[in-house]
Amino acid sequence: VPIIAMTANVFEDDVLETKKAGMTGHLSKPIDSKTMYK
């Protein structure tokens, strides 16, 4: 099941941490609906 992070943490290290934890994607806040759906 895809697990997507939604966070204000947008540095490269933050993205790597979410991937290392098993997350499939990363969304940065504030959320843009087009980006989210994509």
All heavy atoms as atom14 arrays in JSON, in Angstrom:
{
  "sequence": "VPIIAMTANVFEDDVLETKKAGMTGHLSKPIDSKTMYK",
  "atom14_mask": [
    [1, 1, 1, 1, 1, 1, 1, 0, 0, 0, 0, 0, 0, 0],
    [1, 1, 1, 1, 1, 1, 1, 0, 0, 0, 0, 0, 0, 0],
    [1, 1, 1, 1, 1, 1, 1, 1, 0, 0, 0, 0, 0, 0],
    [1, 1, 1, 1, 1, 1, 1, 1, 0, 0, 0, 0, 0, 0],
    [1, 1, 1, 1, 1, 0, 0, 0, 0, 0, 0, 0, 0, 0],
    [1, 1, 1, 1, 1, 1, 1, 1, 0, 0, 0, 0, 0, 0],
    [1, 1, 1, 1, 1, 1, 1, 0, 0, 0, 0, 0, 0, 0],
    [1, 1, 1, 1, 1, 0, 0, 0, 0, 0, 0, 0, 0, 0],
    [1, 1, 1, 1, 1, 1, 1, 1, 0, 0, 0, 0, 0, 0],
    [1, 1, 1, 1, 1, 1, 1, 0, 0, 0, 0, 0, 0, 0],
    [1, 1, 1, 1, 1, 1, 1, 1, 1, 1, 1, 0, 0, 0],
    [1, 1, 1, 1, 1, 1, 1, 1, 1, 0, 0, 0, 0, 0],
    [1, 1, 1, 1, 1, 1, 1, 1, 0, 0, 0, 0, 0, 0],
    [1, 1, 1, 1, 1, 1, 1, 1, 0, 0, 0, 0, 0, 0],
    [1, 1, 1, 1, 1, 1, 1, 0, 0, 0, 0, 0, 0, 0],
    [1, 1, 1, 1, 1, 1, 1, 1, 0, 0, 0, 0, 0, 0],
    [1, 1, 1, 1, 1, 1, 1, 1, 1, 0, 0, 0, 0, 0],
    [1, 1, 1, 1, 1, 1, 1, 0, 0, 0, 0, 0, 0, 0],
    [1, 1, 1, 1, 1, 1, 1, 1, 1, 0, 0, 0, 0, 0],
    [1, 1, 1, 1, 1, 1, 1, 1, 1, 0, 0, 0, 0, 0],
    [1, 1, 1, 1, 1, 0, 0, 0, 0, 0, 0, 0, 0, 0],
    [1, 1, 1, 1, 0, 0, 0, 0, 0, 0, 0, 0, 0, 0],
    [1, 1, 1, 1, 1, 1, 1, 1, 0, 0, 0, 0, 0, 0],
    [1, 1, 1, 1, 1, 1, 1, 0, 0, 0, 0, 0, 0, 0],
    [1, 1, 1, 1, 0, 0, 0, 0, 0, 0, 0, 0, 0, 0],
    [1, 1, 1, 1, 1, 1, 1, 1, 1, 1, 0, 0, 0, 0],
    [1, 1, 1, 1, 1, 1, 1, 1, 0, 0, 0, 0, 0, 0],
    [1, 1, 1, 1, 1, 1, 0, 0, 0, 0, 0, 0, 0, 0],
    [1, 1, 1, 1, 1, 1, 1, 1, 1, 0, 0, 0, 0, 0],
    [1, 1, 1, 1, 1, 1, 1, 0, 0, 0, 0, 0, 0, 0],
    [1, 1, 1, 1, 1, 1, 1, 1, 0, 0, 0, 0, 0, 0],
    [1, 1, 1, 1, 1, 1, 1, 1, 0, 0, 0, 0, 0, 0],
    [1, 1, 1, 1, 1, 1, 0, 0, 0, 0, 0, 0, 0, 0],
    [1, 1, 1, 1, 1, 1, 1, 1, 1, 0, 0, 0, 0, 0],
    [1, 1, 1, 1, 1, 1, 1, 0, 0, 0, 0, 0, 0, 0],
    [1, 1, 1, 1, 1, 1, 1, 1, 0, 0, 0, 0, 0, 0],
    [1, 1, 1, 1, 1, 1, 1, 1, 1, 1, 1, 1, 0, 0],
    [1, 1, 1, 1, 1, 1, 1, 1, 1, 0, 0, 0, 0, 0]
  ],
  "atom14_positions": [
    [[0.85, -1.19, 0.0], [0.0, 0.0, 0.0], [0.89, 1.24, 0.0], [1.81, 1.35, 0.8], [-0.99, 0.02, 1.19], [-0.29, 0.1, 2.53], [-2.01, 1.14, 1.03], [0.0, 0.0, 0.0], [0.0, 0.0, 0.0], [0.0, 0.0, 0.0], [0.0, 0.0, 0.0], [0.0, 0.0, 0.0], [0.0, 0.0, 0.0], [0.0, 0.0, 0.0]],
    [[0.65, 2.17, -0.93], [1.44, 3.39, -0.93], [1.18, 4.23, 0.33], [0.04, 4.41, 0.73], [0.95, 4.14, -2.17], [0.3, 3.11, -3.02], [-0.26, 2.1, -2.07], [0.0, 0.0, 0.0], [0.0, 0.0, 0.0], [0.0, 0.0, 0.0], [0.0, 0.0, 0.0], [0.0, 0.0, 0.0], [0.0, 0.0, 0.0], [0.0, 0.0, 0.0]],
    [[2.25, 4.7, 0.95], [2.15, 5.59, 2.1], [2.88, 6.87, 1.73], [4.05, 6.84, 1.36], [2.76, 4.98, 3.37], [2.08, 3.64, 3.69], [2.62, 5.94, 4.55], [2.7, 2.89, 4.85], [0.0, 0.0, 0.0], [0.0, 0.0, 0.0], [0.0, 0.0, 0.0], [0.0, 0.0, 0.0], [0.0, 0.0, 0.0], [0.0, 0.0, 0.0]],
    [[2.15, 7.97, 1.8], [2.67, 9.26, 1.36], [2.79, 10.21, 2.55], [1.84, 10.39, 3.3], [1.74, 9.87, 0.28], [1.59, 8.9, -0.9], [2.26, 11.23, -0.18], [0.46, 9.24, -1.84], [0.0, 0.0, 0.0], [0.0, 0.0, 0.0], [0.0, 0.0, 0.0], [0.0, 0.0, 0.0], [0.0, 0.0, 0.0], [0.0, 0.0, 0.0]],
    [[3.98, 10.79, 2.7], [4.22, 11.77, 3.76], [3.62, 13.1, 3.36], [3.74, 13.53, 2.21], [5.72, 11.94, 3.98], [0.0, 0.0, 0.0], [0.0, 0.0, 0.0], [0.0, 0.0, 0.0], [0.0, 0.0, 0.0], [0.0, 0.0, 0.0], [0.0, 0.0, 0.0], [0.0, 0.0, 0.0], [0.0, 0.0, 0.0], [0.0, 0.0, 0.0]],
    [[2.97, 13.75, 4.31], [2.48, 15.11, 4.11], [3.13, 15.94, 5.22], [2.89, 15.69, 6.4], [0.96, 15.15, 4.25], [0.37, 16.53, 4.11], [-1.42, 16.55, 4.27], [-1.63, 16.03, 5.96], [0.0, 0.0, 0.0], [0.0, 0.0, 0.0], [0.0, 0.0, 0.0], [0.0, 0.0, 0.0], [0.0, 0.0, 0.0], [0.0, 0.0, 0.0]],
    [[4.02, 16.86, 4.83], [4.84, 17.5, 5.84], [5.41, 18.84, 5.39], [5.51, 19.09, 4.19], [6.01, 16.55, 6.22], [6.82, 17.17, 7.21], [6.85, 16.19, 5.03], [0.0, 0.0, 0.0], [0.0, 0.0, 0.0], [0.0, 0.0, 0.0], [0.0, 0.0, 0.0], [0.0, 0.0, 0.0], [0.0, 0.0, 0.0], [0.0, 0.0, 0.0]],
    [[5.78, 19.63, 6.35], [6.5, 20.87, 6.07], [8.01, 20.6, 6.0], [8.78, 21.47, 5.62], [6.21, 21.91, 7.15], [0.0, 0.0, 0.0], [0.0, 0.0, 0.0], [0.0, 0.0, 0.0], [0.0, 0.0, 0.0], [0.0, 0.0, 0.0], [0.0, 0.0, 0.0], [0.0, 0.0, 0.0], [0.0, 0.0, 0.0], [0.0, 0.0, 0.0]],
    [[8.41, 19.38, 6.33], [9.82, 18.98, 6.27], [10.18, 18.64, 4.83], [9.83, 17.58, 4.33], [10.08, 17.76, 7.16], [9.65, 17.98, 8.59], [9.39, 19.09, 9.0], [9.6, 16.91, 9.35], [0.0, 0.0, 0.0], [0.0, 0.0, 0.0], [0.0, 0.0, 0.0], [0.0, 0.0, 0.0], [0.0, 0.0, 0.0], [0.0, 0.0, 0.0]],
    [[10.88, 19.55, 4.16], [11.1, 19.37, 2.72], [12.58, 19.28, 2.32], [12.88, 19.22, 1.14], [10.43, 20.5, 1.91], [8.93, 20.43, 2.07], [10.96, 21.85, 2.3], [0.0, 0.0, 0.0], [0.0, 0.0, 0.0], [0.0, 0.0, 0.0], [0.0, 0.0, 0.0], [0.0, 0.0, 0.0], [0.0, 0.0, 0.0], [0.0, 0.0, 0.0]],
    [[13.47, 19.25, 3.29], [14.88, 19.12, 2.96], [15.17, 17.71, 2.45], [14.43, 16.76, 2.74], [15.76, 19.45, 4.17], [15.67, 20.89, 4.59], [15.05, 21.25, 5.77], [16.2, 21.9, 3.78], [14.96, 22.58, 6.16], [16.11, 23.23, 4.16], [15.49, 23.57, 5.35], [0.0, 0.0, 0.0], [0.0, 0.0, 0.0], [0.0, 0.0, 0.0]],
    [[16.24, 17.57, 1.71], [16.61, 16.28, 1.13], [16.72, 15.2, 2.21], [16.28, 14.06, 2.0], [17.93, 16.41, 0.38], [18.32, 15.16, -0.38], [19.58, 15.34, -1.2], [19.89, 16.48, -1.61], [20.26, 14.33, -1.44], [0.0, 0.0, 0.0], [0.0, 0.0, 0.0], [0.0, 0.0, 0.0], [0.0, 0.0, 0.0], [0.0, 0.0, 0.0]],
    [[17.28, 15.55, 3.36], [17.39, 14.58, 4.47], [16.01, 14.12, 4.95], [15.83, 12.96, 5.32], [18.16, 15.18, 5.64], [19.64, 15.33, 5.36], [20.14, 14.74, 4.38], [20.31, 16.05, 6.12], [0.0, 0.0, 0.0], [0.0, 0.0, 0.0], [0.0, 0.0, 0.0], [0.0, 0.0, 0.0], [0.0, 0.0, 0.0], [0.0, 0.0, 0.0]],
    [[15.04, 15.03, 4.95], [13.68, 14.69, 5.36], [13.05, 13.69, 4.4], [12.41, 12.72, 4.81], [12.81, 15.94, 5.45], [13.32, 16.95, 6.46], [13.73, 16.53, 7.57], [13.32, 18.15, 6.13], [0.0, 0.0, 0.0], [0.0, 0.0, 0.0], [0.0, 0.0, 0.0], [0.0, 0.0, 0.0], [0.0, 0.0, 0.0], [0.0, 0.0, 0.0]],
    [[13.24, 13.94, 3.11], [12.69, 13.03, 2.08], [13.36, 11.66, 2.21], [12.69, 10.63, 2.15], [12.88, 13.62, 0.66], [12.41, 12.64, -0.39], [12.13, 14.95, 0.53], [0.0, 0.0, 0.0], [0.0, 0.0, 0.0], [0.0, 0.0, 0.0], [0.0, 0.0, 0.0], [0.0, 0.0, 0.0], [0.0, 0.0, 0.0], [0.0, 0.0, 0.0]],
    [[14.67, 11.64, 2.42], [15.38, 10.37, 2.58], [14.9, 9.61, 3.81], [14.77, 8.38, 3.78], [16.89, 10.61, 2.67], [17.56, 11.05, 1.39], [19.03, 11.41, 1.63], [17.45, 9.99, 0.31], [0.0, 0.0, 0.0], [0.0, 0.0, 0.0], [0.0, 0.0, 0.0], [0.0, 0.0, 0.0], [0.0, 0.0, 0.0], [0.0, 0.0, 0.0]],
    [[14.61, 10.34, 4.89], [14.1, 9.7, 6.11], [12.76, 9.02, 5.88], [12.52, 7.92, 6.35], [13.99, 10.72, 7.24], [13.53, 10.11, 8.54], [13.37, 11.12, 9.67], [13.34, 12.33, 9.4], [13.24, 10.67, 10.82], [0.0, 0.0, 0.0], [0.0, 0.0, 0.0], [0.0, 0.0, 0.0], [0.0, 0.0, 0.0], [0.0, 0.0, 0.0]],
    [[11.88, 9.69, 5.13], [10.56, 9.09, 4.87], [10.71, 7.85, 3.97], [10.04, 6.85, 4.2], [9.59, 10.1, 4.23], [10.12, 10.61, 3.01], [9.3, 11.25, 5.18], [0.0, 0.0, 0.0], [0.0, 0.0, 0.0], [0.0, 0.0, 0.0], [0.0, 0.0, 0.0], [0.0, 0.0, 0.0], [0.0, 0.0, 0.0], [0.0, 0.0, 0.0]],
    [[11.59, 7.92, 2.99], [11.81, 6.75, 2.12], [12.41, 5.59, 2.92], [12.02, 4.44, 2.75], [12.71, 7.12, 0.95], [12.01, 7.96, -0.08], [12.88, 8.22, -1.28], [12.09, 9.08, -2.28], [12.84, 9.3, -3.5], [0.0, 0.0, 0.0], [0.0, 0.0, 0.0], [0.0, 0.0, 0.0], [0.0, 0.0, 0.0], [0.0, 0.0, 0.0]],
    [[13.36, 5.91, 3.79], [14.0, 4.89, 4.62], [12.97, 4.2, 5.53], [13.07, 3.01, 5.8], [15.11, 5.53, 5.46], [15.92, 4.56, 6.25], [17.04, 5.28, 6.99], [17.81, 4.34, 7.88], [18.85, 5.05, 8.64], [0.0, 0.0, 0.0], [0.0, 0.0, 0.0], [0.0, 0.0, 0.0], [0.0, 0.0, 0.0], [0.0, 0.0, 0.0]],
    [[11.97, 4.95, 5.98], [10.92, 4.4, 6.84], [9.94, 3.53, 6.06], [9.15, 2.81, 6.66], [10.17, 5.53, 7.53], [0.0, 0.0, 0.0], [0.0, 0.0, 0.0], [0.0, 0.0, 0.0], [0.0, 0.0, 0.0], [0.0, 0.0, 0.0], [0.0, 0.0, 0.0], [0.0, 0.0, 0.0], [0.0, 0.0, 0.0], [0.0, 0.0, 0.0]],
    [[9.98, 3.6, 4.73], [9.08, 2.78, 3.92], [7.99, 3.55, 3.22], [7.07, 2.96, 2.64], [0.0, 0.0, 0.0], [0.0, 0.0, 0.0], [0.0, 0.0, 0.0], [0.0, 0.0, 0.0], [0.0, 0.0, 0.0], [0.0, 0.0, 0.0], [0.0, 0.0, 0.0], [0.0, 0.0, 0.0], [0.0, 0.0, 0.0], [0.0, 0.0, 0.0]],
    [[8.08, 4.88, 3.25], [7.08, 5.68, 2.56], [7.34, 5.69, 1.06], [8.48, 5.59, 0.62], [7.05, 7.11, 3.1], [6.54, 7.18, 4.51], [6.36, 8.88, 5.05], [5.5, 8.63, 6.59], [0.0, 0.0, 0.0], [0.0, 0.0, 0.0], [0.0, 0.0, 0.0], [0.0, 0.0, 0.0], [0.0, 0.0, 0.0], [0.0, 0.0, 0.0]],
    [[6.27, 5.81, 0.31], [6.33, 5.75, -1.14], [6.46, 7.13, -1.76], [7.02, 7.27, -2.84], [5.04, 5.09, -1.68], [4.73, 3.95, -0.89], [5.19, 4.67, -3.12], [0.0, 0.0, 0.0], [0.0, 0.0, 0.0], [0.0, 0.0, 0.0], [0.0, 0.0, 0.0], [0.0, 0.0, 0.0], [0.0, 0.0, 0.0], [0.0, 0.0, 0.0]],
    [[5.93, 8.15, -1.09], [5.91, 9.5, -1.65], [6.05, 10.56, -0.59], [6.05, 10.27, 0.61], [0.0, 0.0, 0.0], [0.0, 0.0, 0.0], [0.0, 0.0, 0.0], [0.0, 0.0, 0.0], [0.0, 0.0, 0.0], [0.0, 0.0, 0.0], [0.0, 0.0, 0.0], [0.0, 0.0, 0.0], [0.0, 0.0, 0.0], [0.0, 0.0, 0.0]],
    [[6.16, 11.8, -1.05], [6.41, 12.92, -0.15], [5.67, 14.16, -0.69], [5.91, 14.56, -1.82], [7.91, 13.19, -0.1], [8.35, 14.03, 1.03], [8.91, 13.51, 2.17], [8.33, 15.36, 1.21], [9.22, 14.48, 2.99], [8.87, 15.62, 2.44], [0.0, 0.0, 0.0], [0.0, 0.0, 0.0], [0.0, 0.0, 0.0], [0.0, 0.0, 0.0]],
    [[4.8, 14.73, 0.12], [4.09, 15.96, -0.24], [4.49, 17.05, 0.73], [4.49, 16.84, 1.94], [2.58, 15.76, -0.16], [1.95, 14.87, -1.21], [0.51, 14.54, -0.81], [1.97, 15.56, -2.56], [0.0, 0.0, 0.0], [0.0, 0.0, 0.0], [0.0, 0.0, 0.0], [0.0, 0.0, 0.0], [0.0, 0.0, 0.0], [0.0, 0.0, 0.0]],
    [[4.81, 18.22, 0.21], [5.18, 19.32, 1.09], [3.99, 20.25, 1.31], [3.16, 20.45, 0.43], [6.36, 20.1, 0.52], [6.03, 20.65, -0.74], [0.0, 0.0, 0.0], [0.0, 0.0, 0.0], [0.0, 0.0, 0.0], [0.0, 0.0, 0.0], [0.0, 0.0, 0.0], [0.0, 0.0, 0.0], [0.0, 0.0, 0.0], [0.0, 0.0, 0.0]],
    [[3.93, 20.78, 2.52], [2.89, 21.76, 2.88], [3.38, 23.14, 2.51], [4.57, 23.4, 2.58], [2.6, 21.71, 4.37], [1.95, 20.44, 4.84], [1.77, 20.55, 6.35], [1.22, 19.3, 6.95], [1.09, 19.42, 8.41], [0.0, 0.0, 0.0], [0.0, 0.0, 0.0], [0.0, 0.0, 0.0], [0.0, 0.0, 0.0], [0.0, 0.0, 0.0]],
    [[2.53, 24.06, 2.16], [1.09, 23.86, 1.99], [0.81, 22.99, 0.76], [1.55, 23.03, -0.21], [0.54, 25.28, 1.82], [1.69, 26.07, 1.29], [2.93, 25.44, 1.85], [0.0, 0.0, 0.0], [0.0, 0.0, 0.0], [0.0, 0.0, 0.0], [0.0, 0.0, 0.0], [0.0, 0.0, 0.0], [0.0, 0.0, 0.0], [0.0, 0.0, 0.0]],
    [[-0.23, 22.21, 0.86], [-0.58, 21.25, -0.19], [-1.2, 21.96, -1.38], [-2.12, 22.76, -1.24], [-1.57, 20.19, 0.35], [-0.95, 19.42, 1.51], [-2.03, 19.25, -0.75], [0.24, 18.58, 1.16], [0.0, 0.0, 0.0], [0.0, 0.0, 0.0], [0.0, 0.0, 0.0], [0.0, 0.0, 0.0], [0.0, 0.0, 0.0], [0.0, 0.0, 0.0]],
    [[-0.68, 21.65, -2.55], [-1.25, 22.09, -3.82], [-2.03, 20.89, -4.37], [-1.46, 19.81, -4.53], [-0.12, 22.5, -4.78], [-0.63, 22.75, -6.17], [-1.32, 23.76, -6.38], [-0.35, 21.91, -7.06], [0.0, 0.0, 0.0], [0.0, 0.0, 0.0], [0.0, 0.0, 0.0], [0.0, 0.0, 0.0], [0.0, 0.0, 0.0], [0.0, 0.0, 0.0]],
    [[-3.3, 21.06, -4.65], [-4.15, 19.93, -5.03], [-3.66, 19.21, -6.28], [-3.67, 17.98, -6.33], [-5.61, 20.36, -5.18], [-5.75, 21.33, -6.18], [0.0, 0.0, 0.0], [0.0, 0.0, 0.0], [0.0, 0.0, 0.0], [0.0, 0.0, 0.0], [0.0, 0.0, 0.0], [0.0, 0.0, 0.0], [0.0, 0.0, 0.0], [0.0, 0.0, 0.0]],
    [[-3.21, 19.93, -7.28], [-2.71, 19.28, -8.51], [-1.49, 18.42, -8.21], [-1.38, 17.29, -8.68], [-2.38, 20.31, -9.58], [-3.58, 20.9, -10.24], [-3.17, 21.85, -11.35], [-4.41, 22.49, -11.97], [-4.06, 23.4, -13.05], [0.0, 0.0, 0.0], [0.0, 0.0, 0.0], [0.0, 0.0, 0.0], [0.0, 0.0, 0.0], [0.0, 0.0, 0.0]],
    [[-0.59, 18.96, -7.41], [0.62, 18.21, -7.03], [0.24, 16.99, -6.2], [0.79, 15.9, -6.39], [1.58, 19.11, -6.23], [1.89, 20.25, -7.03], [2.84, 18.38, -5.85], [0.0, 0.0, 0.0], [0.0, 0.0, 0.0], [0.0, 0.0, 0.0], [0.0, 0.0, 0.0], [0.0, 0.0, 0.0], [0.0, 0.0, 0.0], [0.0, 0.0, 0.0]],
    [[-0.73, 17.15, -5.31], [-1.16, 16.04, -4.46], [-1.74, 14.91, -5.31], [-1.36, 13.75, -5.15], [-2.2, 16.51, -3.45], [-2.69, 15.4, -2.54], [-3.99, 15.92, -1.39], [-5.36, 16.22, -2.52], [0.0, 0.0, 0.0], [0.0, 0.0, 0.0], [0.0, 0.0, 0.0], [0.0, 0.0, 0.0], [0.0, 0.0, 0.0], [0.0, 0.0, 0.0]],
    [[-2.65, 15.23, -6.21], [-3.26, 14.2, -7.05], [-2.22, 13.51, -7.92], [-2.25, 12.29, -8.1], [-4.38, 14.77, -7.91], [-5.58, 15.24, -7.1], [-6.12, 16.51, -7.28], [-6.16, 14.41, -6.14], [-7.2, 16.94, -6.54], [-7.26, 14.84, -5.4], [-7.77, 16.1, -5.6], [-8.84, 16.52, -4.86], [0.0, 0.0, 0.0], [0.0, 0.0, 0.0]],
    [[-1.3, 14.28, -8.44], [-0.23, 13.72, -9.28], [0.63, 12.74, -8.47], [0.96, 11.65, -8.95], [0.62, 14.87, -9.81], [1.57, 14.52, -10.89], [2.23, 15.81, -11.39], [3.17, 15.55, -12.52], [3.77, 16.79, -13.02], [0.0, 0.0, 0.0], [0.0, 0.0, 0.0], [0.0, 0.0, 0.0], [0.0, 0.0, 0.0], [0.0, 0.0, 0.0]]
  ]
}
